[in-house]
Amino acid sequence: MDINQQKEQFSYAYIYAVASTASYSFQIAAKPMDFDGIDIILAGGCGEGIIRYPRLELQVKCTALDLVSNGIIRYPLPLKNYNDLRIENVQAPRLLVVVVVPDEPNNWLTQSPQELCLRYCGYWISLRGQPATQNQTTITISVPQQNIFNVEALKTLMQRIEAGETL
């Protein structure tokens, strides 16, 4: 497996761990959805809000580059992914999740009988409604480091979806 495939699989494992702990289902999107910029679909059970079965679609990227500066992760996103994520008239909200890992794959995970530690962290951002760009290949996205994709954040995002809020 090449390093990019490793990063993809690791980032999926990270999101799967967060989703299962938060009690949401996790599904790797079918290839036709991947062409539309969706890698993972997260879904909740029958809630009590305006949206009864909340669903969240994710575009997932993984990087080992040191992209963090002043609380911002600056990620060069392919233009196609940017355009897929900025669409407003979609049924399920879409987010970009950037999982940042150490340079060396052997440092991504440690475990013992007491713990399983995945390094480092995933961060999310909604690009819904962002303007078109004149860029031809990539656009650098600024993801706030405070937007950690963790159990608490996922539960909050899904509650907002249930309430009919726009992400």
N, C-alpha and C. Protein backbone atom coordinates (compact mmCIF):
# COMPACT_ATOMS: atom_id res chain seq x y z
N MET A 1 0.85 -1.17 0.00
CA MET A 1 0.00 0.00 0.00
C MET A 1 0.90 1.24 0.00
N ASP A 2 0.62 2.19 -0.87
CA ASP A 2 1.45 3.40 -0.89
C ASP A 2 1.01 4.34 0.23
N ILE A 3 1.79 5.37 0.48
CA ILE A 3 1.57 6.26 1.62
C ILE A 3 0.24 6.99 1.52
N ASN A 4 -0.20 7.35 0.32
CA ASN A 4 -1.49 8.04 0.18
C ASN A 4 -2.66 7.12 0.53
N GLN A 5 -2.56 5.86 0.15
CA GLN A 5 -3.59 4.90 0.54
C GLN A 5 -3.59 4.69 2.05
N GLN A 6 -2.40 4.64 2.64
CA GLN A 6 -2.30 4.52 4.10
C GLN A 6 -2.98 5.70 4.79
N LYS A 7 -2.71 6.90 4.30
CA LYS A 7 -3.32 8.10 4.88
C LYS A 7 -4.83 8.06 4.76
N GLU A 8 -5.32 7.66 3.60
CA GLU A 8 -6.77 7.58 3.40
C GLU A 8 -7.39 6.59 4.39
N GLN A 9 -6.81 5.41 4.48
CA GLN A 9 -7.35 4.39 5.38
C GLN A 9 -7.27 4.83 6.85
N PHE A 10 -6.17 5.46 7.22
CA PHE A 10 -6.03 5.92 8.60
C PHE A 10 -7.06 7.01 8.92
N SER A 11 -7.25 7.94 7.99
CA SER A 11 -8.22 9.01 8.23
C SER A 11 -9.64 8.44 8.37
N TYR A 12 -9.97 7.41 7.58
CA TYR A 12 -11.27 6.76 7.71
C TYR A 12 -11.39 6.09 9.08
N ALA A 13 -10.31 5.45 9.54
CA ALA A 13 -10.33 4.80 10.86
C ALA A 13 -10.54 5.83 11.96
N TYR A 14 -9.91 6.98 11.83
CA TYR A 14 -10.07 8.06 12.81
C TYR A 14 -11.54 8.48 12.88
N ILE A 15 -12.14 8.73 11.72
CA ILE A 15 -13.54 9.17 11.69
C ILE A 15 -14.47 8.07 12.17
N TYR A 16 -14.17 6.83 11.82
CA TYR A 16 -14.97 5.70 12.29
C TYR A 16 -14.94 5.61 13.81
N ALA A 17 -13.77 5.81 14.41
CA ALA A 17 -13.64 5.77 15.87
C ALA A 17 -14.48 6.87 16.51
N VAL A 18 -14.43 8.07 15.96
CA VAL A 18 -15.23 9.18 16.50
C VAL A 18 -16.72 8.89 16.34
N ALA A 19 -17.13 8.47 15.15
CA ALA A 19 -18.56 8.24 14.88
C ALA A 19 -19.12 7.12 15.75
N SER A 20 -18.40 6.03 15.88
CA SER A 20 -18.93 4.92 16.68
C SER A 20 -19.01 5.29 18.15
N THR A 21 -18.05 6.04 18.64
CA THR A 21 -18.09 6.49 20.03
C THR A 21 -19.25 7.45 20.26
N ALA A 22 -19.58 8.26 19.26
CA ALA A 22 -20.69 9.21 19.36
C ALA A 22 -22.04 8.56 19.07
N SER A 23 -22.02 7.27 18.70
CA SER A 23 -23.23 6.49 18.42
C SER A 23 -23.90 6.84 17.09
N TYR A 24 -23.08 7.13 16.08
CA TYR A 24 -23.59 7.37 14.73
C TYR A 24 -23.06 6.29 13.79
N SER A 25 -23.83 6.00 12.76
CA SER A 25 -23.38 5.01 11.80
C SER A 25 -22.37 5.63 10.84
N PHE A 26 -21.52 4.79 10.32
CA PHE A 26 -20.41 5.19 9.45
C PHE A 26 -20.50 4.35 8.19
N GLN A 27 -20.42 5.02 7.04
CA GLN A 27 -20.45 4.30 5.78
C GLN A 27 -19.48 4.96 4.82
N ILE A 28 -18.62 4.16 4.21
CA ILE A 28 -17.77 4.68 3.15
C ILE A 28 -18.66 4.83 1.93
N ALA A 29 -18.63 6.01 1.33
CA ALA A 29 -19.51 6.31 0.21
C ALA A 29 -19.19 5.42 -0.99
N ALA A 30 -20.23 5.08 -1.73
CA ALA A 30 -20.06 4.33 -2.98
C ALA A 30 -19.30 5.19 -3.98
N LYS A 31 -18.64 4.56 -4.92
CA LYS A 31 -17.82 5.29 -5.89
C LYS A 31 -18.55 6.44 -6.59
N PRO A 32 -19.82 6.29 -7.00
CA PRO A 32 -20.46 7.44 -7.63
C PRO A 32 -20.50 8.67 -6.73
N MET A 33 -20.64 8.47 -5.42
CA MET A 33 -20.63 9.61 -4.51
C MET A 33 -19.23 10.16 -4.35
N ASP A 34 -18.22 9.28 -4.41
CA ASP A 34 -16.84 9.75 -4.31
C ASP A 34 -16.54 10.69 -5.47
N PHE A 35 -17.10 10.43 -6.64
CA PHE A 35 -16.91 11.33 -7.77
C PHE A 35 -17.55 12.68 -7.49
N ASP A 36 -18.52 12.72 -6.58
CA ASP A 36 -19.20 13.94 -6.20
C ASP A 36 -18.55 14.57 -4.97
N GLY A 37 -17.39 14.05 -4.57
CA GLY A 37 -16.66 14.64 -3.46
C GLY A 37 -17.02 14.11 -2.09
N ILE A 38 -17.77 13.03 -2.01
CA ILE A 38 -18.18 12.47 -0.72
C ILE A 38 -17.42 11.18 -0.48
N ASP A 39 -16.70 11.12 0.64
CA ASP A 39 -15.94 9.92 1.02
C ASP A 39 -16.68 9.09 2.05
N ILE A 40 -17.29 9.78 3.03
CA ILE A 40 -17.92 9.10 4.16
C ILE A 40 -19.28 9.72 4.44
N ILE A 41 -20.22 8.86 4.82
CA ILE A 41 -21.56 9.30 5.22
C ILE A 41 -21.76 8.89 6.67
N LEU A 42 -22.12 9.85 7.51
CA LEU A 42 -22.46 9.58 8.90
C LEU A 42 -23.95 9.81 9.08
N ALA A 43 -24.61 8.94 9.83
CA ALA A 43 -26.05 9.07 10.00
C ALA A 43 -26.45 8.75 11.43
N GLY A 44 -27.53 9.39 11.86
CA GLY A 44 -28.06 9.15 13.19
C GLY A 44 -29.39 8.46 13.12
N GLY A 45 -29.84 7.98 14.25
CA GLY A 45 -31.14 7.34 14.33
C GLY A 45 -32.25 8.37 14.34
N CYS A 46 -33.43 7.90 14.63
CA CYS A 46 -34.61 8.76 14.63
C CYS A 46 -34.53 9.75 15.78
N GLY A 47 -34.23 10.98 15.44
CA GLY A 47 -34.18 12.03 16.45
C GLY A 47 -35.55 12.66 16.66
N GLU A 48 -35.57 13.71 17.43
CA GLU A 48 -36.84 14.38 17.73
C GLU A 48 -36.90 15.77 17.12
N GLY A 49 -35.94 16.12 16.30
CA GLY A 49 -35.90 17.45 15.73
C GLY A 49 -36.67 17.55 14.43
N ILE A 50 -36.45 18.63 13.73
CA ILE A 50 -37.08 18.87 12.43
C ILE A 50 -36.64 17.80 11.44
N ILE A 51 -35.36 17.45 11.48
CA ILE A 51 -34.81 16.39 10.64
C ILE A 51 -34.74 15.14 11.50
N ARG A 52 -35.50 14.13 11.15
CA ARG A 52 -35.62 12.94 12.01
C ARG A 52 -34.44 11.99 11.91
N TYR A 53 -33.83 11.88 10.77
CA TYR A 53 -32.67 10.99 10.58
C TYR A 53 -31.51 11.83 10.06
N PRO A 54 -30.79 12.51 10.95
CA PRO A 54 -29.72 13.41 10.48
C PRO A 54 -28.63 12.65 9.75
N ARG A 55 -28.09 13.31 8.75
CA ARG A 55 -27.05 12.72 7.91
C ARG A 55 -26.01 13.78 7.61
N LEU A 56 -24.75 13.38 7.60
CA LEU A 56 -23.64 14.28 7.34
C LEU A 56 -22.72 13.60 6.34
N GLU A 57 -22.32 14.34 5.30
CA GLU A 57 -21.43 13.82 4.28
C GLU A 57 -20.06 14.48 4.42
N LEU A 58 -19.02 13.68 4.33
CA LEU A 58 -17.66 14.19 4.55
C LEU A 58 -16.75 13.95 3.37
N GLN A 59 -15.95 14.95 3.04
CA GLN A 59 -14.80 14.82 2.17
C GLN A 59 -13.62 14.76 3.13
N VAL A 60 -12.79 13.74 3.04
CA VAL A 60 -11.73 13.52 4.01
C VAL A 60 -10.37 13.62 3.34
N LYS A 61 -9.49 14.37 3.96
CA LYS A 61 -8.10 14.49 3.50
C LYS A 61 -7.20 14.18 4.68
N CYS A 62 -6.02 13.69 4.38
CA CYS A 62 -5.06 13.36 5.42
C CYS A 62 -3.69 13.89 4.99
N THR A 63 -3.01 14.54 5.91
CA THR A 63 -1.72 15.11 5.58
C THR A 63 -0.75 14.97 6.74
N ALA A 64 0.51 14.84 6.40
CA ALA A 64 1.57 14.81 7.40
C ALA A 64 2.37 16.11 7.35
N LEU A 65 1.96 17.00 6.50
CA LEU A 65 2.69 18.26 6.36
C LEU A 65 2.42 19.16 7.56
N ASP A 66 3.40 19.96 7.91
CA ASP A 66 3.24 20.92 9.00
C ASP A 66 2.53 22.14 8.44
N LEU A 67 1.21 22.13 8.56
CA LEU A 67 0.39 23.18 7.97
C LEU A 67 -0.23 24.10 9.01
N VAL A 68 0.14 23.94 10.27
CA VAL A 68 -0.49 24.69 11.34
C VAL A 68 0.32 25.94 11.65
N SER A 69 -0.37 27.08 11.68
CA SER A 69 0.27 28.35 12.01
C SER A 69 -0.77 29.26 12.62
N ASN A 70 -0.49 29.78 13.80
CA ASN A 70 -1.39 30.71 14.48
C ASN A 70 -2.80 30.17 14.61
N GLY A 71 -2.93 28.89 14.95
CA GLY A 71 -4.24 28.31 15.18
C GLY A 71 -5.03 28.00 13.92
N ILE A 72 -4.38 28.04 12.78
CA ILE A 72 -5.04 27.77 11.49
C ILE A 72 -4.28 26.66 10.76
N ILE A 73 -5.04 25.72 10.19
CA ILE A 73 -4.45 24.69 9.33
C ILE A 73 -4.71 25.14 7.90
N ARG A 74 -3.66 25.34 7.16
CA ARG A 74 -3.79 25.80 5.77
C ARG A 74 -3.57 24.59 4.87
N TYR A 75 -4.68 24.14 4.26
CA TYR A 75 -4.63 22.91 3.47
C TYR A 75 -4.90 23.23 2.01
N PRO A 76 -4.01 22.79 1.09
CA PRO A 76 -4.24 23.01 -0.35
C PRO A 76 -5.24 21.98 -0.89
N LEU A 77 -6.47 22.39 -1.04
CA LEU A 77 -7.56 21.51 -1.47
C LEU A 77 -7.70 21.55 -2.99
N PRO A 78 -7.80 20.37 -3.63
CA PRO A 78 -8.05 20.37 -5.08
C PRO A 78 -9.33 21.16 -5.41
N LEU A 79 -9.29 21.89 -6.50
CA LEU A 79 -10.39 22.75 -6.89
C LEU A 79 -11.70 21.98 -7.04
N LYS A 80 -11.65 20.77 -7.59
CA LYS A 80 -12.86 19.98 -7.74
C LYS A 80 -13.52 19.72 -6.38
N ASN A 81 -12.71 19.37 -5.38
CA ASN A 81 -13.26 19.13 -4.04
C ASN A 81 -13.85 20.41 -3.45
N TYR A 82 -13.18 21.52 -3.65
CA TYR A 82 -13.68 22.81 -3.18
C TYR A 82 -15.06 23.09 -3.78
N ASN A 83 -15.17 22.92 -5.09
CA ASN A 83 -16.45 23.20 -5.75
C ASN A 83 -17.54 22.23 -5.30
N ASP A 84 -17.20 20.96 -5.06
CA ASP A 84 -18.18 20.00 -4.56
C ASP A 84 -18.67 20.38 -3.17
N LEU A 85 -17.80 20.93 -2.34
CA LEU A 85 -18.14 21.22 -0.95
C LEU A 85 -18.82 22.58 -0.76
N ARG A 86 -18.71 23.47 -1.71
CA ARG A 86 -19.30 24.80 -1.54
C ARG A 86 -20.76 24.88 -2.04
N ILE A 87 -21.23 23.80 -2.65
CA ILE A 87 -22.60 23.74 -3.15
C ILE A 87 -23.59 23.94 -2.00
N GLU A 88 -24.61 24.75 -2.23
CA GLU A 88 -25.59 25.04 -1.18
C GLU A 88 -26.84 24.17 -1.26
N ASN A 89 -27.24 23.76 -2.45
CA ASN A 89 -28.51 23.05 -2.60
C ASN A 89 -28.32 21.53 -2.58
N VAL A 90 -27.83 21.05 -1.43
CA VAL A 90 -27.68 19.61 -1.22
C VAL A 90 -28.56 19.22 -0.04
N GLN A 91 -29.01 17.98 -0.06
CA GLN A 91 -29.90 17.51 0.99
C GLN A 91 -29.19 17.37 2.33
N ALA A 92 -28.02 16.75 2.33
CA ALA A 92 -27.26 16.54 3.56
C ALA A 92 -26.09 17.53 3.59
N PRO A 93 -25.83 18.12 4.74
CA PRO A 93 -24.67 19.02 4.84
C PRO A 93 -23.38 18.27 4.53
N ARG A 94 -22.42 19.02 3.98
CA ARG A 94 -21.12 18.45 3.62
C ARG A 94 -20.02 19.21 4.36
N LEU A 95 -19.07 18.47 4.87
CA LEU A 95 -17.92 19.07 5.54
C LEU A 95 -16.63 18.52 4.97
N LEU A 96 -15.59 19.32 5.09
CA LEU A 96 -14.23 18.86 4.83
C LEU A 96 -13.63 18.50 6.19
N VAL A 97 -13.04 17.32 6.29
CA VAL A 97 -12.30 16.93 7.48
C VAL A 97 -10.86 16.67 7.05
N VAL A 98 -9.93 17.41 7.67
CA VAL A 98 -8.51 17.23 7.41
C VAL A 98 -7.90 16.54 8.63
N VAL A 99 -7.38 15.34 8.42
CA VAL A 99 -6.73 14.59 9.49
C VAL A 99 -5.23 14.81 9.35
N VAL A 100 -4.62 15.31 10.41
CA VAL A 100 -3.19 15.60 10.42
C VAL A 100 -2.48 14.48 11.19
N VAL A 101 -1.47 13.89 10.58
CA VAL A 101 -0.73 12.77 11.17
C VAL A 101 0.77 13.10 11.23
N PRO A 102 1.53 12.37 12.05
CA PRO A 102 2.99 12.54 12.03
C PRO A 102 3.57 12.13 10.67
N ASP A 103 4.77 12.61 10.39
CA ASP A 103 5.44 12.27 9.12
C ASP A 103 5.64 10.77 8.95
N GLU A 104 6.02 10.10 10.00
CA GLU A 104 6.36 8.67 9.95
C GLU A 104 5.14 7.81 10.31
N PRO A 105 4.66 6.96 9.39
CA PRO A 105 3.50 6.12 9.68
C PRO A 105 3.62 5.27 10.95
N ASN A 106 4.82 4.88 11.32
CA ASN A 106 5.00 4.09 12.55
C ASN A 106 4.61 4.88 13.79
N ASN A 107 4.49 6.20 13.67
CA ASN A 107 4.12 7.04 14.81
C ASN A 107 2.63 7.41 14.81
N TRP A 108 1.86 6.93 13.87
CA TRP A 108 0.44 7.28 13.79
C TRP A 108 -0.37 6.63 14.90
N LEU A 109 0.06 5.47 15.37
CA LEU A 109 -0.72 4.70 16.33
C LEU A 109 0.19 4.05 17.35
N THR A 110 -0.23 4.14 18.62
CA THR A 110 0.42 3.36 19.67
C THR A 110 -0.69 2.70 20.47
N GLN A 111 -0.37 1.56 21.03
CA GLN A 111 -1.38 0.88 21.83
C GLN A 111 -0.73 0.09 22.94
N SER A 112 -1.53 -0.13 23.95
CA SER A 112 -1.15 -0.95 25.08
C SER A 112 -2.43 -1.60 25.58
N PRO A 113 -2.34 -2.46 26.57
CA PRO A 113 -3.58 -3.04 27.11
C PRO A 113 -4.53 -1.99 27.70
N GLN A 114 -3.99 -0.81 28.02
CA GLN A 114 -4.82 0.24 28.63
C GLN A 114 -5.33 1.29 27.66
N GLU A 115 -4.70 1.44 26.50
CA GLU A 115 -5.13 2.51 25.60
C GLU A 115 -4.77 2.24 24.15
N LEU A 116 -5.52 2.91 23.30
CA LEU A 116 -5.25 2.96 21.87
C LEU A 116 -5.13 4.44 21.54
N CYS A 117 -4.01 4.86 21.01
CA CYS A 117 -3.77 6.27 20.75
C CYS A 117 -3.53 6.49 19.27
N LEU A 118 -4.39 7.29 18.65
CA LEU A 118 -4.23 7.67 17.25
C LEU A 118 -3.65 9.08 17.23
N ARG A 119 -2.61 9.30 16.45
CA ARG A 119 -1.99 10.61 16.38
C ARG A 119 -2.16 11.19 14.99
N TYR A 120 -2.44 12.39 14.82
CA TYR A 120 -2.68 13.46 15.73
C TYR A 120 -4.17 13.75 15.85
N CYS A 121 -4.74 14.47 14.88
CA CYS A 121 -6.11 14.95 15.09
C CYS A 121 -6.76 15.30 13.75
N GLY A 122 -8.10 15.29 13.75
CA GLY A 122 -8.87 15.72 12.58
C GLY A 122 -9.56 17.05 12.87
N TYR A 123 -9.70 17.85 11.84
CA TYR A 123 -10.31 19.17 11.96
C TYR A 123 -11.33 19.34 10.85
N TRP A 124 -12.44 20.02 11.15
CA TRP A 124 -13.53 20.14 10.18
C TRP A 124 -13.80 21.59 9.81
N ILE A 125 -14.38 21.75 8.62
CA ILE A 125 -14.85 23.06 8.18
C ILE A 125 -15.96 22.87 7.16
N SER A 126 -16.93 23.76 7.21
CA SER A 126 -17.97 23.80 6.19
C SER A 126 -17.57 24.84 5.15
N LEU A 127 -17.63 24.45 3.89
CA LEU A 127 -17.33 25.37 2.80
C LEU A 127 -18.59 25.80 2.06
N ARG A 128 -19.73 25.40 2.58
CA ARG A 128 -21.02 25.72 1.97
C ARG A 128 -21.11 27.23 1.70
N GLY A 129 -21.48 27.56 0.48
CA GLY A 129 -21.70 28.96 0.11
C GLY A 129 -20.45 29.78 -0.14
N GLN A 130 -19.29 29.17 -0.09
CA GLN A 130 -18.06 29.92 -0.36
C GLN A 130 -18.05 30.35 -1.83
N PRO A 131 -17.37 31.44 -2.12
CA PRO A 131 -17.38 31.97 -3.50
C PRO A 131 -16.56 31.10 -4.46
N ALA A 132 -16.88 31.25 -5.74
CA ALA A 132 -16.07 30.62 -6.78
C ALA A 132 -14.68 31.24 -6.74
N THR A 133 -13.73 30.54 -7.30
CA THR A 133 -12.34 31.03 -7.31
C THR A 133 -11.81 31.01 -8.73
N GLN A 134 -10.84 31.87 -8.98
CA GLN A 134 -10.17 31.89 -10.28
C GLN A 134 -9.03 30.87 -10.35
N ASN A 135 -8.72 30.25 -9.21
CA ASN A 135 -7.66 29.24 -9.18
C ASN A 135 -7.99 28.12 -10.16
N GLN A 136 -6.94 27.51 -10.70
CA GLN A 136 -7.13 26.47 -11.71
C GLN A 136 -7.00 25.04 -11.17
N THR A 137 -6.21 24.84 -10.11
CA THR A 137 -5.98 23.47 -9.64
C THR A 137 -6.28 23.27 -8.16
N THR A 138 -5.84 24.19 -7.30
CA THR A 138 -6.08 24.06 -5.86
C THR A 138 -6.46 25.41 -5.28
N ILE A 139 -7.03 25.35 -4.08
CA ILE A 139 -7.30 26.55 -3.30
C ILE A 139 -6.92 26.22 -1.86
N THR A 140 -6.20 27.11 -1.23
CA THR A 140 -5.77 26.86 0.15
C THR A 140 -6.91 27.22 1.10
N ILE A 141 -7.31 26.22 1.87
CA ILE A 141 -8.41 26.36 2.82
C ILE A 141 -7.81 26.60 4.20
N SER A 142 -8.38 27.54 4.94
CA SER A 142 -7.96 27.81 6.31
C SER A 142 -8.95 27.16 7.27
N VAL A 143 -8.50 26.11 7.93
CA VAL A 143 -9.34 25.37 8.87
C VAL A 143 -8.93 25.77 10.28
N PRO A 144 -9.87 26.35 11.07
CA PRO A 144 -9.51 26.73 12.44
C PRO A 144 -9.13 25.51 13.27
N GLN A 145 -8.01 25.60 13.96
CA GLN A 145 -7.54 24.48 14.77
C GLN A 145 -8.50 24.18 15.92
N GLN A 146 -9.36 25.13 16.26
CA GLN A 146 -10.35 24.89 17.31
C GLN A 146 -11.47 23.97 16.83
N ASN A 147 -11.60 23.75 15.52
CA ASN A 147 -12.65 22.89 14.96
C ASN A 147 -12.20 21.43 14.97
N ILE A 148 -11.92 20.91 16.14
CA ILE A 148 -11.48 19.52 16.26
C ILE A 148 -12.66 18.61 15.95
N PHE A 149 -12.43 17.63 15.09
CA PHE A 149 -13.46 16.64 14.78
C PHE A 149 -13.35 15.54 15.83
N ASN A 150 -14.15 15.71 16.90
CA ASN A 150 -14.16 14.74 17.99
C ASN A 150 -15.61 14.38 18.32
N VAL A 151 -15.80 13.57 19.33
CA VAL A 151 -17.14 13.08 19.68
C VAL A 151 -18.07 14.24 20.01
N GLU A 152 -17.61 15.16 20.83
CA GLU A 152 -18.45 16.30 21.22
C GLU A 152 -18.85 17.14 20.01
N ALA A 153 -17.88 17.43 19.15
CA ALA A 153 -18.16 18.23 17.96
C ALA A 153 -19.15 17.52 17.04
N LEU A 154 -18.97 16.22 16.83
CA LEU A 154 -19.87 15.47 15.96
C LEU A 154 -21.29 15.47 16.51
N LYS A 155 -21.43 15.26 17.80
CA LYS A 155 -22.77 15.29 18.41
C LYS A 155 -23.42 16.66 18.22
N THR A 156 -22.65 17.70 18.42
CA THR A 156 -23.17 19.07 18.24
C THR A 156 -23.57 19.30 16.79
N LEU A 157 -22.74 18.89 15.85
CA LEU A 157 -23.06 19.05 14.43
C LEU A 157 -24.34 18.31 14.07
N MET A 158 -24.48 17.07 14.55
CA MET A 158 -25.68 16.29 14.24
C MET A 158 -26.92 16.89 14.91
N GLN A 159 -26.79 17.45 16.09
CA GLN A 159 -27.91 18.12 16.75
C GLN A 159 -28.33 19.35 15.96
N ARG A 160 -27.36 20.06 15.42
CA ARG A 160 -27.68 21.23 14.57
C ARG A 160 -28.40 20.81 13.31
N ILE A 161 -27.99 19.67 12.72
CA ILE A 161 -28.67 19.16 11.54
C ILE A 161 -30.10 18.77 11.90
N GLU A 162 -30.28 18.06 13.02
CA GLU A 162 -31.62 17.69 13.49
C GLU A 162 -32.51 18.90 13.67
N ALA A 163 -31.93 20.00 14.12
CA ALA A 163 -32.69 21.23 14.36
C ALA A 163 -32.97 22.00 13.07
N GLY A 164 -32.44 21.51 11.95
CA GLY A 164 -32.68 22.16 10.66
C GLY A 164 -31.73 23.31 10.39
N GLU A 165 -30.67 23.42 11.18
CA GLU A 165 -29.70 24.50 10.97
C GLU A 165 -28.81 24.19 9.78
N THR A 166 -28.30 25.24 9.19
CA THR A 166 -27.35 25.12 8.08
C THR A 166 -25.95 25.07 8.65
N LEU A 167 -25.16 24.13 8.17
CA LEU A 167 -23.75 24.06 8.61
C LEU A 167 -22.87 24.83 7.65
